mmCIF file of all heavy atoms, coordinates in Angstrom:
data_MODEL
# 
_entry.id   MODEL 
# 
loop_
_atom_site.group_PDB 
_atom_site.id 
_atom_site.type_symbol 
_atom_site.label_atom_id 
_atom_site.label_alt_id 
_atom_site.label_comp_id 
_atom_site.label_asym_id 
_atom_site.label_entity_id 
_atom_site.label_seq_id 
_atom_site.pdbx_PDB_ins_code 
_atom_site.Cartn_x 
_atom_site.Cartn_y 
_atom_site.Cartn_z 
_atom_site.occupancy 
_atom_site.B_iso_or_equiv 
_atom_site.pdbx_formal_charge 
_atom_site.auth_seq_id 
_atom_site.auth_comp_id 
_atom_site.auth_asym_id 
_atom_site.auth_atom_id 
_atom_site.pdbx_PDB_model_num 
ATOM 1   N N   . VAL A 1 1  ? 86.398  91.542  125.000 1.00 0.00 ? 1  VAL A N   1 
ATOM 2   C CA  . VAL A 1 1  ? 87.304  91.969  126.074 1.00 0.00 ? 1  VAL A CA  1 
ATOM 3   C C   . VAL A 1 1  ? 87.225  93.481  126.268 1.00 0.00 ? 1  VAL A C   1 
ATOM 4   O O   . VAL A 1 1  ? 87.340  93.986  127.387 1.00 0.00 ? 1  VAL A O   1 
ATOM 5   C CB  . VAL A 1 1  ? 88.757  91.531  125.788 1.00 0.00 ? 1  VAL A CB  1 
ATOM 6   C CG1 . VAL A 1 1  ? 89.731  92.158  126.763 1.00 0.00 ? 1  VAL A CG1 1 
ATOM 7   C CG2 . VAL A 1 1  ? 88.860  90.011  125.836 1.00 0.00 ? 1  VAL A CG2 1 
ATOM 8   N N   . LEU A 1 2  ? 87.015  94.209  125.186 1.00 0.00 ? 2  LEU A N   1 
ATOM 9   C CA  . LEU A 1 2  ? 86.956  95.677  125.238 1.00 0.00 ? 2  LEU A CA  1 
ATOM 10  C C   . LEU A 1 2  ? 85.518  96.192  125.294 1.00 0.00 ? 2  LEU A C   1 
ATOM 11  O O   . LEU A 1 2  ? 85.287  97.394  125.185 1.00 0.00 ? 2  LEU A O   1 
ATOM 12  C CB  . LEU A 1 2  ? 87.682  96.269  124.022 1.00 0.00 ? 2  LEU A CB  1 
ATOM 13  C CG  . LEU A 1 2  ? 89.135  95.839  123.846 1.00 0.00 ? 2  LEU A CG  1 
ATOM 14  C CD1 . LEU A 1 2  ? 89.719  96.442  122.581 1.00 0.00 ? 2  LEU A CD1 1 
ATOM 15  C CD2 . LEU A 1 2  ? 89.961  96.206  125.062 1.00 0.00 ? 2  LEU A CD2 1 
ATOM 16  N N   . GLY A 1 3  ? 84.559  95.296  125.494 1.00 0.00 ? 3  GLY A N   1 
ATOM 17  C CA  . GLY A 1 3  ? 83.153  95.681  125.581 1.00 0.00 ? 3  GLY A CA  1 
ATOM 18  C C   . GLY A 1 3  ? 82.923  96.703  126.686 1.00 0.00 ? 3  GLY A C   1 
ATOM 19  O O   . GLY A 1 3  ? 83.498  96.610  127.765 1.00 0.00 ? 3  GLY A O   1 
ATOM 20  N N   . GLY A 1 4  ? 82.140  97.725  126.403 1.00 0.00 ? 4  GLY A N   1 
ATOM 21  C CA  . GLY A 1 4  ? 81.866  98.774  127.370 1.00 0.00 ? 4  GLY A CA  1 
ATOM 22  C C   . GLY A 1 4  ? 82.867  99.911  127.332 1.00 0.00 ? 4  GLY A C   1 
ATOM 23  O O   . GLY A 1 4  ? 82.694  100.936 127.983 1.00 0.00 ? 4  GLY A O   1 
ATOM 24  N N   . MET A 1 5  ? 83.948  99.741  126.573 1.00 0.00 ? 5  MET A N   1 
ATOM 25  C CA  . MET A 1 5  ? 84.939  100.805 126.419 1.00 0.00 ? 5  MET A CA  1 
ATOM 26  C C   . MET A 1 5  ? 84.612  101.619 125.161 1.00 0.00 ? 5  MET A C   1 
ATOM 27  O O   . MET A 1 5  ? 83.955  101.131 124.248 1.00 0.00 ? 5  MET A O   1 
ATOM 28  C CB  . MET A 1 5  ? 86.348  100.234 126.288 1.00 0.00 ? 5  MET A CB  1 
ATOM 29  C CG  . MET A 1 5  ? 86.832  99.531  127.519 1.00 0.00 ? 5  MET A CG  1 
ATOM 30  S SD  . MET A 1 5  ? 88.550  98.990  127.302 1.00 0.00 ? 5  MET A SD  1 
ATOM 31  C CE  . MET A 1 5  ? 88.765  98.028  128.793 1.00 0.00 ? 5  MET A CE  1 
ATOM 32  N N   . MET A 1 6  ? 85.079  102.860 125.126 1.00 0.00 ? 6  MET A N   1 
ATOM 33  C CA  . MET A 1 6  ? 84.914  103.671 123.933 1.00 0.00 ? 6  MET A CA  1 
ATOM 34  C C   . MET A 1 6  ? 85.966  103.217 122.925 1.00 0.00 ? 6  MET A C   1 
ATOM 35  O O   . MET A 1 6  ? 87.166  103.249 123.211 1.00 0.00 ? 6  MET A O   1 
ATOM 36  C CB  . MET A 1 6  ? 85.097  105.152 124.255 1.00 0.00 ? 6  MET A CB  1 
ATOM 37  C CG  . MET A 1 6  ? 84.875  106.037 123.041 1.00 0.00 ? 6  MET A CG  1 
ATOM 38  S SD  . MET A 1 6  ? 84.884  107.811 123.399 1.00 0.00 ? 6  MET A SD  1 
ATOM 39  C CE  . MET A 1 6  ? 86.531  108.044 124.029 1.00 0.00 ? 6  MET A CE  1 
ATOM 40  N N   . GLY A 1 7  ? 85.526  102.754 121.773 1.00 0.00 ? 7  GLY A N   1 
ATOM 41  C CA  . GLY A 1 7  ? 86.439  102.225 120.777 1.00 0.00 ? 7  GLY A CA  1 
ATOM 42  C C   . GLY A 1 7  ? 86.378  102.968 119.462 1.00 0.00 ? 7  GLY A C   1 
ATOM 43  O O   . GLY A 1 7  ? 85.350  103.549 119.108 1.00 0.00 ? 7  GLY A O   1 
ATOM 44  N N   . VAL A 1 8  ? 87.490  102.958 118.768 1.00 0.00 ? 8  VAL A N   1 
ATOM 45  C CA  . VAL A 1 8  ? 87.577  103.529 117.422 1.00 0.00 ? 8  VAL A CA  1 
ATOM 46  C C   . VAL A 1 8  ? 88.373  102.568 116.550 1.00 0.00 ? 8  VAL A C   1 
ATOM 47  O O   . VAL A 1 8  ? 89.198  101.800 117.045 1.00 0.00 ? 8  VAL A O   1 
ATOM 48  C CB  . VAL A 1 8  ? 88.244  104.927 117.405 1.00 0.00 ? 8  VAL A CB  1 
ATOM 49  C CG1 . VAL A 1 8  ? 87.418  105.941 118.160 1.00 0.00 ? 8  VAL A CG1 1 
ATOM 50  C CG2 . VAL A 1 8  ? 89.651  104.877 117.960 1.00 0.00 ? 8  VAL A CG2 1 
ATOM 51  N N   . SER A 1 9  ? 88.109  102.631 115.264 1.00 0.00 ? 9  SER A N   1 
ATOM 52  C CA  . SER A 1 9  ? 88.871  101.796 114.342 1.00 0.00 ? 9  SER A CA  1 
ATOM 53  C C   . SER A 1 9  ? 89.036  102.506 113.014 1.00 0.00 ? 9  SER A C   1 
ATOM 54  O O   . SER A 1 9  ? 88.256  103.390 112.661 1.00 0.00 ? 9  SER A O   1 
ATOM 55  C CB  . SER A 1 9  ? 88.173  100.447 114.133 1.00 0.00 ? 9  SER A CB  1 
ATOM 56  O OG  . SER A 1 9  ? 86.929  100.631 113.480 1.00 0.00 ? 9  SER A OG  1 
ATOM 57  N N   . ASN A 1 10 ? 90.083  102.116 112.299 1.00 0.00 ? 10 ASN A N   1 
ATOM 58  C CA  . ASN A 1 10 ? 90.334  102.611 110.961 1.00 0.00 ? 10 ASN A CA  1 
ATOM 59  C C   . ASN A 1 10 ? 90.893  101.445 110.151 1.00 0.00 ? 10 ASN A C   1 
ATOM 60  O O   . ASN A 1 10 ? 92.093  101.166 110.216 1.00 0.00 ? 10 ASN A O   1 
ATOM 61  C CB  . ASN A 1 10 ? 91.310  103.787 110.971 1.00 0.00 ? 10 ASN A CB  1 
ATOM 62  C CG  . ASN A 1 10 ? 91.520  104.371 109.587 1.00 0.00 ? 10 ASN A CG  1 
ATOM 63  O OD1 . ASN A 1 10 ? 91.084  103.811 108.590 1.00 0.00 ? 10 ASN A OD1 1 
ATOM 64  N ND2 . ASN A 1 10 ? 92.195  105.495 109.528 1.00 0.00 ? 10 ASN A ND2 1 
ATOM 65  N N   . PRO A 1 11 ? 90.037  100.748 109.416 1.00 0.00 ? 11 PRO A N   1 
ATOM 66  C CA  . PRO A 1 11 ? 90.515  99.594  108.652 1.00 0.00 ? 11 PRO A CA  1 
ATOM 67  C C   . PRO A 1 11 ? 91.360  99.977  107.446 1.00 0.00 ? 11 PRO A C   1 
ATOM 68  O O   . PRO A 1 11 ? 91.991  99.119  106.846 1.00 0.00 ? 11 PRO A O   1 
ATOM 69  C CB  . PRO A 1 11 ? 89.226  98.898  108.220 1.00 0.00 ? 11 PRO A CB  1 
ATOM 70  C CG  . PRO A 1 11 ? 88.192  99.963  108.237 1.00 0.00 ? 11 PRO A CG  1 
ATOM 71  C CD  . PRO A 1 11 ? 88.596  100.926 109.323 1.00 0.00 ? 11 PRO A CD  1 
ATOM 72  N N   . ASP A 1 12 ? 91.403  101.257 107.085 1.00 0.00 ? 12 ASP A N   1 
ATOM 73  C CA  . ASP A 1 12 ? 92.085  101.686 105.875 1.00 0.00 ? 12 ASP A CA  1 
ATOM 74  C C   . ASP A 1 12 ? 93.207  102.698 106.142 1.00 0.00 ? 12 ASP A C   1 
ATOM 75  O O   . ASP A 1 12 ? 93.514  103.528 105.295 1.00 0.00 ? 12 ASP A O   1 
ATOM 76  C CB  . ASP A 1 12 ? 91.064  102.278 104.905 1.00 0.00 ? 12 ASP A CB  1 
ATOM 77  C CG  . ASP A 1 12 ? 91.585  102.373 103.485 1.00 0.00 ? 12 ASP A CG  1 
ATOM 78  O OD1 . ASP A 1 12 ? 92.376  101.498 103.091 1.00 0.00 ? 12 ASP A OD1 1 
ATOM 79  O OD2 . ASP A 1 12 ? 91.217  103.331 102.786 1.00 0.00 ? 12 ASP A OD2 1 
ATOM 80  N N   . ALA A 1 13 ? 93.822  102.655 107.319 1.00 0.00 ? 13 ALA A N   1 
ATOM 81  C CA  . ALA A 1 13 ? 94.915  103.575 107.631 1.00 0.00 ? 13 ALA A CA  1 
ATOM 82  C C   . ALA A 1 13 ? 96.128  103.267 106.760 1.00 0.00 ? 13 ALA A C   1 
ATOM 83  O O   . ALA A 1 13 ? 96.308  102.147 106.297 1.00 0.00 ? 13 ALA A O   1 
ATOM 84  C CB  . ALA A 1 13 ? 95.292  103.470 109.105 1.00 0.00 ? 13 ALA A CB  1 
ATOM 85  N N   . THR A 1 14 ? 96.964  104.236 106.550 1.00 0.00 ? 14 THR A N   1 
ATOM 86  C CA  . THR A 1 14 ? 98.154  104.080 105.707 1.00 0.00 ? 14 THR A CA  1 
ATOM 87  C C   . THR A 1 14 ? 99.084  102.983 106.221 1.00 0.00 ? 14 THR A C   1 
ATOM 88  O O   . THR A 1 14 ? 99.645  102.226 105.438 1.00 0.00 ? 14 THR A O   1 
ATOM 89  C CB  . THR A 1 14 ? 98.934  105.414 105.636 1.00 0.00 ? 14 THR A CB  1 
ATOM 90  O OG1 . THR A 1 14 ? 98.043  106.419 105.170 1.00 0.00 ? 14 THR A OG1 1 
ATOM 91  C CG2 . THR A 1 14 ? 100.114 105.305 104.717 1.00 0.00 ? 14 THR A CG2 1 
ATOM 92  N N   . THR A 1 15 ? 99.232  102.872 107.537 1.00 0.00 ? 15 THR A N   1 
ATOM 93  C CA  . THR A 1 15 ? 100.158 101.908 108.133 1.00 0.00 ? 15 THR A CA  1 
ATOM 94  C C   . THR A 1 15 ? 99.562  100.521 108.315 1.00 0.00 ? 15 THR A C   1 
ATOM 95  O O   . THR A 1 15 ? 100.265 99.581  108.664 1.00 0.00 ? 15 THR A O   1 
ATOM 96  C CB  . THR A 1 15 ? 100.636 102.417 109.500 1.00 0.00 ? 15 THR A CB  1 
ATOM 97  O OG1 . THR A 1 15 ? 99.494  102.650 110.331 1.00 0.00 ? 15 THR A OG1 1 
ATOM 98  C CG2 . THR A 1 15 ? 101.439 103.693 109.356 1.00 0.00 ? 15 THR A CG2 1 
ATOM 99  N N   . GLY A 1 16 ? 98.260  100.367 108.132 1.00 0.00 ? 16 GLY A N   1 
ATOM 100 C CA  . GLY A 1 16 ? 97.566  99.103  108.327 1.00 0.00 ? 16 GLY A CA  1 
ATOM 101 C C   . GLY A 1 16 ? 96.209  99.368  108.931 1.00 0.00 ? 16 GLY A C   1 
ATOM 102 O O   . GLY A 1 16 ? 95.729  100.500 108.944 1.00 0.00 ? 16 GLY A O   1 
ATOM 103 N N   . ALA A 1 17 ? 95.566  98.340  109.450 1.00 0.00 ? 17 ALA A N   1 
ATOM 104 C CA  . ALA A 1 17 ? 94.268  98.486  110.105 1.00 0.00 ? 17 ALA A CA  1 
ATOM 105 C C   . ALA A 1 17 ? 94.484  98.769  111.587 1.00 0.00 ? 17 ALA A C   1 
ATOM 106 O O   . ALA A 1 17 ? 95.269  98.083  112.238 1.00 0.00 ? 17 ALA A O   1 
ATOM 107 C CB  . ALA A 1 17 ? 93.439  97.225  109.916 1.00 0.00 ? 17 ALA A CB  1 
ATOM 108 N N   . ILE A 1 18 ? 93.792  99.773  112.110 1.00 0.00 ? 18 ILE A N   1 
ATOM 109 C CA  . ILE A 1 18 ? 93.994  100.202 113.501 1.00 0.00 ? 18 ILE A CA  1 
ATOM 110 C C   . ILE A 1 18 ? 92.719  100.002 114.307 1.00 0.00 ? 18 ILE A C   1 
ATOM 111 O O   . ILE A 1 18 ? 91.620  100.325 113.848 1.00 0.00 ? 18 ILE A O   1 
ATOM 112 C CB  . ILE A 1 18 ? 94.404  101.683 113.561 1.00 0.00 ? 18 ILE A CB  1 
ATOM 113 C CG1 . ILE A 1 18 ? 95.704  101.901 112.789 1.00 0.00 ? 18 ILE A CG1 1 
ATOM 114 C CG2 . ILE A 1 18 ? 94.542  102.156 115.001 1.00 0.00 ? 18 ILE A CG2 1 
ATOM 115 C CD1 . ILE A 1 18 ? 96.069  103.367 112.606 1.00 0.00 ? 18 ILE A CD1 1 
ATOM 116 N N   . VAL A 1 19 ? 92.888  99.493  115.529 1.00 0.00 ? 19 VAL A N   1 
ATOM 117 C CA  . VAL A 1 19 ? 91.805  99.396  116.510 1.00 0.00 ? 19 VAL A CA  1 
ATOM 118 C C   . VAL A 1 19 ? 92.330  99.950  117.823 1.00 0.00 ? 19 VAL A C   1 
ATOM 119 O O   . VAL A 1 19 ? 93.457  99.657  118.228 1.00 0.00 ? 19 VAL A O   1 
ATOM 120 C CB  . VAL A 1 19 ? 91.340  97.935  116.710 1.00 0.00 ? 19 VAL A CB  1 
ATOM 121 C CG1 . VAL A 1 19 ? 90.375  97.817  117.875 1.00 0.00 ? 19 VAL A CG1 1 
ATOM 122 C CG2 . VAL A 1 19 ? 90.696  97.394  115.450 1.00 0.00 ? 19 VAL A CG2 1 
ATOM 123 N N   . ALA A 1 20 ? 91.508  100.760 118.501 1.00 0.00 ? 20 ALA A N   1 
ATOM 124 C CA  . ALA A 1 20 ? 91.887  101.314 119.805 1.00 0.00 ? 20 ALA A CA  1 
ATOM 125 C C   . ALA A 1 20 ? 90.633  101.432 120.667 1.00 0.00 ? 20 ALA A C   1 
ATOM 126 O O   . ALA A 1 20 ? 89.533  101.634 120.152 1.00 0.00 ? 20 ALA A O   1 
ATOM 127 C CB  . ALA A 1 20 ? 92.544  102.674 119.645 1.00 0.00 ? 20 ALA A CB  1 
ATOM 128 N N   . ALA A 1 21 ? 90.808  101.291 121.961 1.00 0.00 ? 21 ALA A N   1 
ATOM 129 C CA  . ALA A 1 21 ? 89.702  101.444 122.907 1.00 0.00 ? 21 ALA A CA  1 
ATOM 130 C C   . ALA A 1 21 ? 90.257  101.861 124.257 1.00 0.00 ? 21 ALA A C   1 
ATOM 131 O O   . ALA A 1 21 ? 91.389  101.523 124.608 1.00 0.00 ? 21 ALA A O   1 
ATOM 132 C CB  . ALA A 1 21 ? 88.932  100.133 123.052 1.00 0.00 ? 21 ALA A CB  1 
ATOM 133 N N   . ILE A 1 22 ? 89.452  102.593 124.990 1.00 0.00 ? 22 ILE A N   1 
ATOM 134 C CA  . ILE A 1 22 ? 89.836  103.006 126.343 1.00 0.00 ? 22 ILE A CA  1 
ATOM 135 C C   . ILE A 1 22 ? 88.577  103.074 127.198 1.00 0.00 ? 22 ILE A C   1 
ATOM 136 O O   . ILE A 1 22 ? 87.498  103.387 126.713 1.00 0.00 ? 22 ILE A O   1 
ATOM 137 C CB  . ILE A 1 22 ? 90.589  104.357 126.326 1.00 0.00 ? 22 ILE A CB  1 
ATOM 138 C CG1 . ILE A 1 22 ? 91.219  104.628 127.694 1.00 0.00 ? 22 ILE A CG1 1 
ATOM 139 C CG2 . ILE A 1 22 ? 89.688  105.489 125.876 1.00 0.00 ? 22 ILE A CG2 1 
ATOM 140 C CD1 . ILE A 1 22 ? 92.279  105.702 127.664 1.00 0.00 ? 22 ILE A CD1 1 
ATOM 141 N N   . GLY A 1 23 ? 88.740  102.764 128.488 1.00 0.00 ? 23 GLY A N   1 
ATOM 142 C CA  . GLY A 1 23 ? 87.607  102.792 129.400 1.00 0.00 ? 23 GLY A CA  1 
ATOM 143 C C   . GLY A 1 23 ? 88.021  103.249 130.782 1.00 0.00 ? 23 GLY A C   1 
ATOM 144 O O   . GLY A 1 23 ? 89.206  103.306 131.107 1.00 0.00 ? 23 GLY A O   1 
ATOM 145 N N   . THR A 1 24 ? 87.041  103.558 131.599 1.00 0.00 ? 24 THR A N   1 
ATOM 146 C CA  . THR A 1 24 ? 87.313  103.997 132.963 1.00 0.00 ? 24 THR A CA  1 
ATOM 147 C C   . THR A 1 24 ? 87.333  102.836 133.945 1.00 0.00 ? 24 THR A C   1 
ATOM 148 O O   . THR A 1 24 ? 87.848  102.971 135.047 1.00 0.00 ? 24 THR A O   1 
ATOM 149 C CB  . THR A 1 24 ? 86.259  105.027 133.423 1.00 0.00 ? 24 THR A CB  1 
ATOM 150 O OG1 . THR A 1 24 ? 84.958  104.447 133.305 1.00 0.00 ? 24 THR A OG1 1 
ATOM 151 C CG2 . THR A 1 24 ? 86.346  106.289 132.592 1.00 0.00 ? 24 THR A CG2 1 
ATOM 152 N N   . SER A 1 25 ? 86.786  101.689 133.540 1.00 0.00 ? 25 SER A N   1 
ATOM 153 C CA  . SER A 1 25 ? 86.823  100.517 134.418 1.00 0.00 ? 25 SER A CA  1 
ATOM 154 C C   . SER A 1 25 ? 87.750  99.465  133.803 1.00 0.00 ? 25 SER A C   1 
ATOM 155 O O   . SER A 1 25 ? 87.997  99.445  132.605 1.00 0.00 ? 25 SER A O   1 
ATOM 156 C CB  . SER A 1 25 ? 85.424  99.946  134.617 1.00 0.00 ? 25 SER A CB  1 
ATOM 157 O OG  . SER A 1 25 ? 84.870  99.569  133.379 1.00 0.00 ? 25 SER A OG  1 
ATOM 158 N N   . THR A 1 26 ? 88.265  98.592  134.645 1.00 0.00 ? 26 THR A N   1 
ATOM 159 C CA  . THR A 1 26 ? 89.220  97.568  134.222 1.00 0.00 ? 26 THR A CA  1 
ATOM 160 C C   . THR A 1 26 ? 88.498  96.320  133.749 1.00 0.00 ? 26 THR A C   1 
ATOM 161 O O   . THR A 1 26 ? 87.603  95.821  134.418 1.00 0.00 ? 26 THR A O   1 
ATOM 162 C CB  . THR A 1 26 ? 90.154  97.214  135.395 1.00 0.00 ? 26 THR A CB  1 
ATOM 163 O OG1 . THR A 1 26 ? 90.816  98.406  135.811 1.00 0.00 ? 26 THR A OG1 1 
ATOM 164 C CG2 . THR A 1 26 ? 91.177  96.180  134.996 1.00 0.00 ? 26 THR A CG2 1 
ATOM 165 N N   . SER A 1 27 ? 88.917  95.808  132.600 1.00 0.00 ? 27 SER A N   1 
ATOM 166 C CA  . SER A 1 27 ? 88.397  94.553  132.071 1.00 0.00 ? 27 SER A CA  1 
ATOM 167 C C   . SER A 1 27 ? 89.370  93.433  132.407 1.00 0.00 ? 27 SER A C   1 
ATOM 168 O O   . SER A 1 27 ? 90.563  93.548  132.130 1.00 0.00 ? 27 SER A O   1 
ATOM 169 C CB  . SER A 1 27 ? 88.219  94.641  130.555 1.00 0.00 ? 27 SER A CB  1 
ATOM 170 O OG  . SER A 1 27 ? 87.916  93.358  130.016 1.00 0.00 ? 27 SER A OG  1 
# 
């Protein structure tokens, strides 16, 4: 669903596992 967007993740964050993505076009 987030393919083509710039994504970042942190599986070891203090609060839990984090995933984020943002793009200029709508999915």
